[in-house]
Amino acid sequence: MDKKILEKAFEFHGHICWASAAGVRAGIAALRELKVQRTGSSGELHCKLEIGENHGAQCFADGVQYATGCTIGKGNIEKMGWGKLALTLIDKKKEKAVRVSYKPRRHKMIAESSFMRKRGQGIPPTQIPREEAMAMADIVWDAPESEVLSIGEVKDYEWEDDFGEIMGLVPCSQCGEMVSKVYLRVVGDAHMCIPCSGYER
């Protein structure tokens, strides 16, 4: 467990936090179990991330993205919307998958840390001293894996791409901004982006 990986993940995320550290550990564990490397393309791995919306532990997602290389930009990560700190990493080529989730065993220590007490008072994470932030993150990072992660069995997972990668951008006939072809909407004789078209989706 190279601390440099954690430091780079925090740099990517923007601040030090326990949930990002948990996401990095979960992502690394999933890669190890599938016997794969961090991906640089959308054709190798896919990640189903079980986080939801508007909860404080969404930082988990950035840790997973950094560790696995599955990112929003590559289109190989999706949010399931369940509000859970868990992921299923899929090896698309070998059609294998593994689920990894965060265990609550050390969470009381995190909740009682000076960092989290300050966060509870509304202090932004970037305004909390680094030493306090790292002490809180280390509760997750330095723990035995069995205390912070639950790792499932590697299972068969039949993978089928819905569309593959769709190429091609064209200008909206209303605002002139570039939009992916599949997101154009027809309004009379015009082809418009969704906001200009008046459609919701």
Protein backbone atom coordinates (compact mmCIF):
# COMPACT_ATOMS: atom_id res chain seq x y z
CA MET A 1 0.00 0.00 0.00
CA ASP A 2 2.07 2.88 -1.34
CA LYS A 3 1.11 6.14 0.38
CA LYS A 4 2.01 7.99 -2.83
CA ILE A 5 -1.08 6.48 -4.45
CA LEU A 6 -3.23 7.89 -1.66
CA GLU A 7 -1.61 11.32 -1.90
CA LYS A 8 -2.19 11.43 -5.66
CA ALA A 9 -5.79 10.35 -5.18
CA PHE A 10 -6.34 13.19 -2.70
CA GLU A 11 -4.78 15.61 -5.18
CA PHE A 12 -7.20 14.32 -7.83
CA HIS A 13 -10.15 14.59 -5.42
CA GLY A 14 -9.23 18.03 -4.11
CA HIS A 15 -9.01 17.34 -0.38
CA ILE A 16 -8.09 14.67 2.17
CA CYS A 17 -10.95 12.48 3.36
CA TRP A 18 -11.64 8.99 4.66
CA ALA A 19 -14.20 8.12 1.96
CA SER A 20 -11.74 8.76 -0.87
CA ALA A 21 -9.18 6.61 0.96
CA ALA A 22 -11.80 3.86 1.26
CA GLY A 23 -12.56 4.19 -2.46
CA VAL A 24 -8.88 3.84 -3.37
CA ARG A 25 -8.53 0.73 -1.21
CA ALA A 26 -11.73 -0.77 -2.63
CA GLY A 27 -10.61 -0.09 -6.20
CA ILE A 28 -7.15 -1.56 -5.64
CA ALA A 29 -8.67 -4.66 -4.03
CA ALA A 30 -11.05 -5.14 -6.95
CA LEU A 31 -8.19 -4.86 -9.48
CA ARG A 32 -6.18 -7.41 -7.52
CA GLU A 33 -9.04 -9.88 -7.28
CA LEU A 34 -9.73 -9.67 -11.02
CA LYS A 35 -5.98 -9.82 -11.76
CA VAL A 36 -6.18 -6.73 -13.96
CA GLN A 37 -4.35 -3.41 -14.18
CA ARG A 38 -5.76 0.11 -13.89
CA THR A 39 -7.49 0.86 -17.19
CA GLY A 40 -6.65 3.59 -19.66
CA SER A 41 -9.49 2.90 -22.08
CA SER A 42 -13.21 2.23 -22.00
CA GLY A 43 -12.92 -1.23 -23.56
CA GLU A 44 -11.34 -3.10 -20.65
CA LEU A 45 -13.14 -2.46 -17.36
CA HIS A 46 -16.53 -1.19 -16.26
CA CYS A 47 -17.47 -0.10 -12.74
CA LYS A 48 -20.91 -0.09 -11.13
CA LEU A 49 -20.67 2.29 -8.20
CA GLU A 50 -23.41 2.03 -5.60
CA ILE A 51 -23.24 5.60 -4.23
CA GLY A 52 -26.26 7.90 -4.39
CA GLU A 53 -26.79 11.65 -4.54
CA ASN A 54 -26.09 14.36 -1.95
CA HIS A 55 -24.54 12.25 0.78
CA GLY A 56 -21.21 13.12 2.33
CA ALA A 57 -19.47 9.87 1.43
CA GLN A 58 -19.69 10.38 -2.34
CA CYS A 59 -15.97 11.13 -2.12
CA PHE A 60 -15.68 7.32 -2.30
CA ALA A 61 -16.33 7.67 -6.03
CA ASP A 62 -13.22 9.72 -6.72
CA GLY A 63 -11.07 7.18 -4.87
CA VAL A 64 -12.54 4.40 -7.00
CA GLN A 65 -12.07 6.40 -10.20
CA TYR A 66 -8.46 7.17 -9.37
CA ALA A 67 -7.60 3.58 -8.41
CA THR A 68 -9.35 1.76 -11.25
CA GLY A 69 -9.09 4.26 -14.10
CA CYS A 70 -12.84 3.89 -14.66
CA THR A 71 -14.05 7.47 -15.11
CA ILE A 72 -17.07 9.48 -16.16
CA GLY A 73 -15.10 10.82 -19.13
CA LYS A 74 -14.39 7.32 -20.45
CA GLY A 75 -18.00 6.30 -19.86
CA ASN A 76 -16.97 3.15 -18.02
CA ILE A 77 -18.37 3.99 -14.61
CA GLU A 78 -22.00 4.35 -13.55
CA LYS A 79 -23.78 5.37 -10.36
CA MET A 80 -26.43 2.96 -9.18
CA GLY A 81 -28.02 5.50 -6.81
CA TRP A 82 -28.26 3.24 -3.75
CA GLY A 83 -26.33 5.40 -1.26
CA LYS A 84 -23.87 2.59 -0.46
CA LEU A 85 -20.08 2.55 -0.40
CA ALA A 86 -19.60 -0.39 -2.71
CA LEU A 87 -18.60 -1.15 -6.26
CA THR A 88 -18.73 -3.98 -8.72
CA LEU A 89 -15.75 -3.99 -11.06
CA ILE A 90 -16.25 -5.87 -14.33
CA ASP A 91 -13.54 -7.24 -16.60
CA LYS A 92 -15.35 -6.84 -19.91
CA LYS A 93 -12.97 -9.04 -21.90
CA LYS A 94 -12.88 -12.02 -19.52
CA GLU A 95 -16.49 -11.42 -18.44
CA LYS A 96 -15.66 -11.64 -14.75
CA ALA A 97 -16.73 -9.33 -11.91
CA VAL A 98 -16.12 -8.76 -8.22
CA ARG A 99 -18.03 -6.69 -5.65
CA VAL A 100 -16.17 -4.81 -2.90
CA SER A 101 -17.89 -2.87 -0.10
CA TYR A 102 -16.82 -0.71 2.82
CA LYS A 103 -17.12 -2.32 6.25
CA PRO A 104 -18.33 -0.26 9.23
CA ARG A 105 -15.88 -1.78 11.72
CA ARG A 106 -13.67 1.34 11.99
CA HIS A 107 -16.35 3.87 11.20
CA LYS A 108 -16.96 4.88 14.83
CA MET A 109 -13.30 5.95 15.03
CA ILE A 110 -13.75 8.04 11.89
CA ALA A 111 -16.96 9.63 13.16
CA GLU A 112 -15.26 10.58 16.43
CA SER A 113 -12.13 12.05 14.79
CA SER A 114 -11.42 15.77 15.17
CA PHE A 115 -11.73 16.11 11.40
CA MET A 116 -15.29 14.78 11.35
CA ARG A 117 -16.29 16.82 14.40
CA LYS A 118 -15.16 19.94 12.56
CA ARG A 119 -16.95 18.85 9.39
CA GLY A 120 -20.08 18.46 11.51
CA GLN A 121 -19.67 22.11 12.54
CA GLY A 122 -19.72 23.11 8.88
CA ILE A 123 -15.98 23.68 8.47
CA PRO A 124 -14.92 22.88 4.88
CA PRO A 125 -12.42 20.00 4.55
CA THR A 126 -9.80 22.27 2.98
CA GLN A 127 -9.80 24.46 6.10
CA ILE A 128 -9.03 21.63 8.53
CA PRO A 129 -5.31 21.16 9.36
CA ARG A 130 -3.61 18.52 7.20
CA GLU A 131 -2.42 16.56 10.26
CA GLU A 132 -6.00 16.10 11.48
CA ALA A 133 -7.22 15.16 8.00
CA MET A 134 -4.44 12.60 7.47
CA ALA A 135 -4.98 11.11 10.94
CA MET A 136 -8.60 10.50 9.97
CA ALA A 137 -7.74 9.09 6.53
CA ASP A 138 -5.11 6.80 8.07
CA ILE A 139 -7.84 5.10 10.11
CA VAL A 140 -8.94 3.60 6.78
CA TRP A 141 -5.61 3.45 4.96
CA ASP A 142 -3.51 1.80 7.68
CA ALA A 143 -6.16 -0.70 8.81
CA PRO A 144 -5.96 -4.39 7.91
CA GLU A 145 -7.99 -4.91 4.75
CA SER A 146 -10.35 -7.30 6.55
CA GLU A 147 -11.40 -4.47 8.88
CA VAL A 148 -12.39 -1.99 6.19
CA LEU A 149 -13.41 -4.02 3.14
CA SER A 150 -15.72 -6.90 2.36
CA ILE A 151 -14.57 -8.62 -0.84
CA GLY A 152 -16.88 -10.95 -2.70
CA GLU A 153 -16.01 -13.87 -4.92
CA VAL A 154 -15.00 -13.33 -8.51
CA LYS A 155 -18.01 -14.38 -10.56
CA ASP A 156 -18.92 -14.79 -14.20
CA TYR A 157 -20.51 -11.65 -15.63
CA GLU A 158 -21.91 -11.64 -19.13
CA TRP A 159 -21.01 -8.27 -20.66
CA GLU A 160 -22.85 -6.68 -23.53
CA ASP A 161 -22.24 -3.11 -24.68
CA ASP A 162 -25.52 -1.30 -25.27
CA PHE A 163 -24.20 1.03 -27.94
CA GLY A 164 -20.43 1.07 -27.88
CA GLU A 165 -18.71 4.40 -28.29
CA ILE A 166 -20.74 6.85 -30.35
CA MET A 167 -18.61 9.25 -32.36
CA GLY A 168 -19.62 12.50 -33.98
CA LEU A 169 -20.46 15.99 -32.77
CA VAL A 170 -22.59 18.47 -34.71
CA PRO A 171 -23.67 22.04 -33.96
CA CYS A 172 -27.13 22.68 -32.55
CA SER A 173 -29.12 24.66 -35.12
CA GLN A 174 -30.37 26.99 -32.36
CA CYS A 175 -27.38 27.83 -30.11
CA GLY A 176 -24.57 26.62 -32.37
CA GLU A 177 -22.86 24.63 -29.60
CA MET A 178 -21.48 21.20 -30.39
CA VAL A 179 -23.61 18.24 -29.27
CA SER A 180 -23.28 14.48 -29.67
CA LYS A 181 -25.51 13.23 -32.50
CA VAL A 182 -27.54 10.94 -30.25
CA TYR A 183 -28.56 13.91 -28.08
CA LEU A 184 -30.01 15.96 -30.93
CA ARG A 185 -33.76 16.47 -30.92
CA VAL A 186 -35.83 17.24 -34.01
CA VAL A 187 -37.97 20.37 -33.78
CA GLY A 188 -39.69 21.01 -37.12
CA ASP A 189 -36.86 20.98 -39.63
CA ALA A 190 -34.22 21.87 -37.03
CA HIS A 191 -31.87 19.59 -35.09
CA MET A 192 -31.32 21.02 -31.61
CA CYS A 193 -29.59 20.19 -28.36
CA ILE A 194 -31.89 19.17 -25.51
CA PRO A 195 -31.93 22.57 -23.71
CA CYS A 196 -32.81 24.44 -26.93
CA SER A 197 -35.38 21.85 -28.02
CA GLY A 198 -37.59 22.20 -24.97
CA TYR A 199 -37.49 18.46 -24.35
CA GLU A 200 -36.59 17.23 -20.88
CA ARG A 201 -34.45 14.37 -22.23
